[in-house]
N, C-alpha and C. Protein backbone atom coordinates (compact mmCIF):
# COMPACT_ATOMS: atom_id res chain seq x y z
N MET A 1 83.13 106.69 127.09
CA MET A 1 84.39 107.57 127.12
C MET A 1 85.18 107.94 125.50
N SER A 2 85.29 108.89 124.68
CA SER A 2 85.68 108.87 123.71
C SER A 2 87.30 107.80 123.70
N LYS A 3 87.58 107.49 122.40
CA LYS A 3 89.35 107.13 122.53
C LYS A 3 89.71 106.42 120.95
N PRO A 4 90.75 107.50 120.63
CA PRO A 4 91.46 106.62 118.91
C PRO A 4 90.49 105.71 119.04
N ILE A 5 91.11 104.86 117.91
CA ILE A 5 91.35 103.76 117.51
C ILE A 5 91.42 103.10 116.71
N LEU A 6 92.87 102.43 116.13
CA LEU A 6 93.72 102.74 114.87
C LEU A 6 93.27 100.92 114.39
N SER A 7 93.02 101.26 113.41
CA SER A 7 93.80 99.71 112.28
C SER A 7 93.79 100.09 111.22
N LEU A 8 95.10 99.15 111.23
CA LEU A 8 96.29 99.28 110.15
C LEU A 8 95.87 97.78 109.19
N THR A 9 96.05 98.31 107.52
CA THR A 9 95.37 97.63 107.05
C THR A 9 96.64 97.39 105.51
N THR A 10 97.05 96.32 105.51
CA THR A 10 98.21 96.33 104.49
C THR A 10 97.83 95.50 102.86
N ALA A 11 98.84 96.26 102.11
CA ALA A 11 98.64 95.24 100.83
C ALA A 11 99.91 95.06 100.51
N LEU A 12 100.81 94.69 99.57
CA LEU A 12 100.83 93.95 98.97
C LEU A 12 101.20 94.29 97.63
N THR A 13 102.37 95.24 97.18
CA THR A 13 101.50 95.52 96.00
C THR A 13 102.44 95.69 94.74
N GLY A 14 103.67 95.05 95.31
CA GLY A 14 104.93 94.53 94.35
C GLY A 14 106.19 94.59 94.69
N GLU A 15 106.34 93.75 93.72
CA GLU A 15 107.65 92.45 94.00
C GLU A 15 108.85 91.92 93.37
N SER A 16 110.24 91.86 93.53
CA SER A 16 110.84 91.55 92.73
C SER A 16 111.35 90.88 91.59
N ILE A 17 110.93 88.99 92.91
CA ILE A 17 111.51 88.17 91.92
C ILE A 17 110.47 87.46 91.95
N ALA A 18 109.54 87.08 92.21
CA ALA A 18 108.33 86.13 92.04
C ALA A 18 106.95 86.97 92.22
N ALA A 19 106.00 86.66 91.64
CA ALA A 19 104.89 87.97 91.65
C ALA A 19 104.15 86.91 92.41
N ASN A 20 104.20 86.62 93.70
CA ASN A 20 103.45 85.05 94.13
C ASN A 20 102.37 85.47 95.11
N GLY A 21 102.50 86.42 95.75
CA GLY A 21 101.74 87.43 96.70
C GLY A 21 102.01 87.24 98.33
N LEU A 22 103.49 86.36 98.44
CA LEU A 22 104.36 86.04 99.30
C LEU A 22 105.82 86.76 99.47
N ILE A 23 106.19 88.04 100.52
CA ILE A 23 107.27 88.27 100.60
C ILE A 23 108.34 86.65 101.17
N ASP A 24 109.40 87.25 99.70
CA ASP A 24 110.43 85.61 99.56
C ASP A 24 112.34 86.24 100.37
N PRO A 25 112.73 85.14 100.61
CA PRO A 25 114.13 86.12 100.57
C PRO A 25 114.57 86.48 99.65
N GLY A 26 115.60 87.30 100.51
CA GLY A 26 116.08 88.20 99.28
C GLY A 26 115.03 89.47 98.32
N GLU A 27 113.52 88.91 98.34
CA GLU A 27 113.01 90.08 97.59
C GLU A 27 112.89 91.39 98.11
N THR A 28 112.44 92.68 97.20
CA THR A 28 112.41 93.66 97.38
C THR A 28 110.90 93.19 97.09
N VAL A 29 110.48 94.35 98.11
CA VAL A 29 108.97 94.12 97.84
C VAL A 29 108.25 95.66 98.23
N THR A 30 107.42 96.28 98.50
CA THR A 30 106.27 97.23 98.09
C THR A 30 105.18 96.68 98.87
N LEU A 31 105.31 97.48 100.41
CA LEU A 31 103.92 97.81 100.67
C LEU A 31 102.89 98.70 100.87
N ASP A 32 101.84 99.11 100.46
CA ASP A 32 100.41 100.13 100.98
C ASP A 32 99.77 99.46 102.50
N CYS A 33 100.21 100.67 103.04
CA CYS A 33 100.13 100.43 104.69
C CYS A 33 99.38 101.64 104.70
N THR A 34 97.90 101.20 105.07
CA THR A 34 96.83 102.14 105.74
C THR A 34 96.92 102.43 107.25
N LEU A 35 96.68 103.53 107.59
CA LEU A 35 96.59 103.36 109.15
C LEU A 35 95.27 104.88 109.28
N THR A 36 94.21 103.87 109.56
CA THR A 36 93.11 104.27 109.81
C THR A 36 92.34 104.93 111.33
N ASN A 37 91.65 105.57 111.96
CA ASN A 37 91.30 106.05 113.22
C ASN A 37 89.71 105.91 113.13
N VAL A 38 89.29 104.57 113.84
CA VAL A 38 88.02 104.25 113.72
C VAL A 38 87.31 104.58 114.96
N GLY A 39 88.17 105.56 115.69
CA GLY A 39 87.70 105.26 116.85
C GLY A 39 86.57 106.95 116.93
N SER A 40 86.24 107.46 118.05
CA SER A 40 85.44 108.40 118.60
C SER A 40 86.36 109.14 118.81
N ALA A 41 87.64 109.89 118.51
CA ALA A 41 88.06 111.06 119.28
C ALA A 41 89.13 111.12 117.59
N GLY A 42 89.74 112.12 118.15
CA GLY A 42 90.69 112.28 116.88
C GLY A 42 92.50 112.46 117.63
N THR A 43 93.35 111.88 117.02
CA THR A 43 94.34 111.63 117.62
C THR A 43 94.89 113.22 117.38
N THR A 44 96.49 113.21 118.02
CA THR A 44 96.97 114.17 118.52
C THR A 44 98.39 113.77 117.92
N ASN A 45 99.37 114.26 117.54
CA ASN A 45 101.08 114.02 117.05
C ASN A 45 101.14 112.58 116.87
N LEU A 46 100.20 112.23 115.77
CA LEU A 46 100.71 110.77 116.25
C LEU A 46 101.97 110.83 115.06
N ILE A 47 102.84 109.58 115.38
CA ILE A 47 103.59 108.96 114.65
C ILE A 47 103.70 107.24 114.38
N ALA A 48 103.70 107.12 113.00
CA ALA A 48 103.96 104.96 113.20
C ALA A 48 104.97 105.40 112.33
N THR A 49 105.98 104.35 113.27
CA THR A 49 107.10 103.66 112.35
C THR A 49 107.05 102.52 111.54
N LEU A 50 107.40 101.99 110.37
CA LEU A 50 107.84 100.24 110.55
C LEU A 50 109.70 99.77 110.82
N GLN A 51 109.25 99.47 111.62
CA GLN A 51 110.61 98.78 111.70
C GLN A 51 110.83 97.58 111.75
N PRO A 52 111.98 96.80 110.89
CA PRO A 52 112.38 95.35 110.74
C PRO A 52 112.18 94.90 111.85
N ALA A 53 111.97 93.52 111.55
CA ALA A 53 111.74 91.85 112.87
C ALA A 53 112.83 91.62 112.54
N THR A 54 113.22 90.34 112.91
CA THR A 54 114.28 89.52 112.89
C THR A 54 113.93 89.44 111.43
N GLY A 55 115.91 89.44 110.75
CA GLY A 55 115.97 89.11 108.75
C GLY A 55 115.52 89.73 108.81
N LEU A 56 114.84 91.26 108.95
CA LEU A 56 114.30 92.18 107.46
C LEU A 56 115.25 93.04 107.46
N SER A 57 115.66 93.72 106.79
CA SER A 57 116.26 94.59 106.44
C SER A 57 116.28 96.04 105.15
N GLY A 58 117.02 96.97 105.02
CA GLY A 58 116.35 97.62 103.94
C GLY A 58 115.23 98.18 103.94
N ILE A 59 114.19 99.20 105.11
CA ILE A 59 113.38 99.73 104.71
C ILE A 59 113.87 100.80 104.29
N SER A 60 113.11 101.12 103.71
CA SER A 60 113.30 102.21 102.69
C SER A 60 113.10 104.35 103.59
N ALA A 61 113.14 105.30 102.88
CA ALA A 61 112.33 106.12 103.65
C ALA A 61 110.76 106.73 103.76
N PRO A 62 110.62 107.27 104.42
CA PRO A 62 108.37 107.16 104.16
C PRO A 62 108.27 107.90 102.55
N GLN A 63 107.40 107.27 102.07
CA GLN A 63 106.75 107.04 100.40
C GLN A 63 105.05 108.37 100.87
N THR A 64 104.95 108.71 100.27
CA THR A 64 103.32 109.53 100.33
C THR A 64 103.38 109.62 98.90
């Protein structure tokens, strides 16, 4: 059976306070997120939304 299988990879590419590879409290960061279909079928009408978890805020508009 053919189906899409999605893989998400992320990389921390920018930090406003300490460039230590961690997202620290009060820090503004830039994440590079790549969503890849590694399955054997295509996707249609796929929408991915990054939502803040507890203690996170300020997710900006989508970047391309």
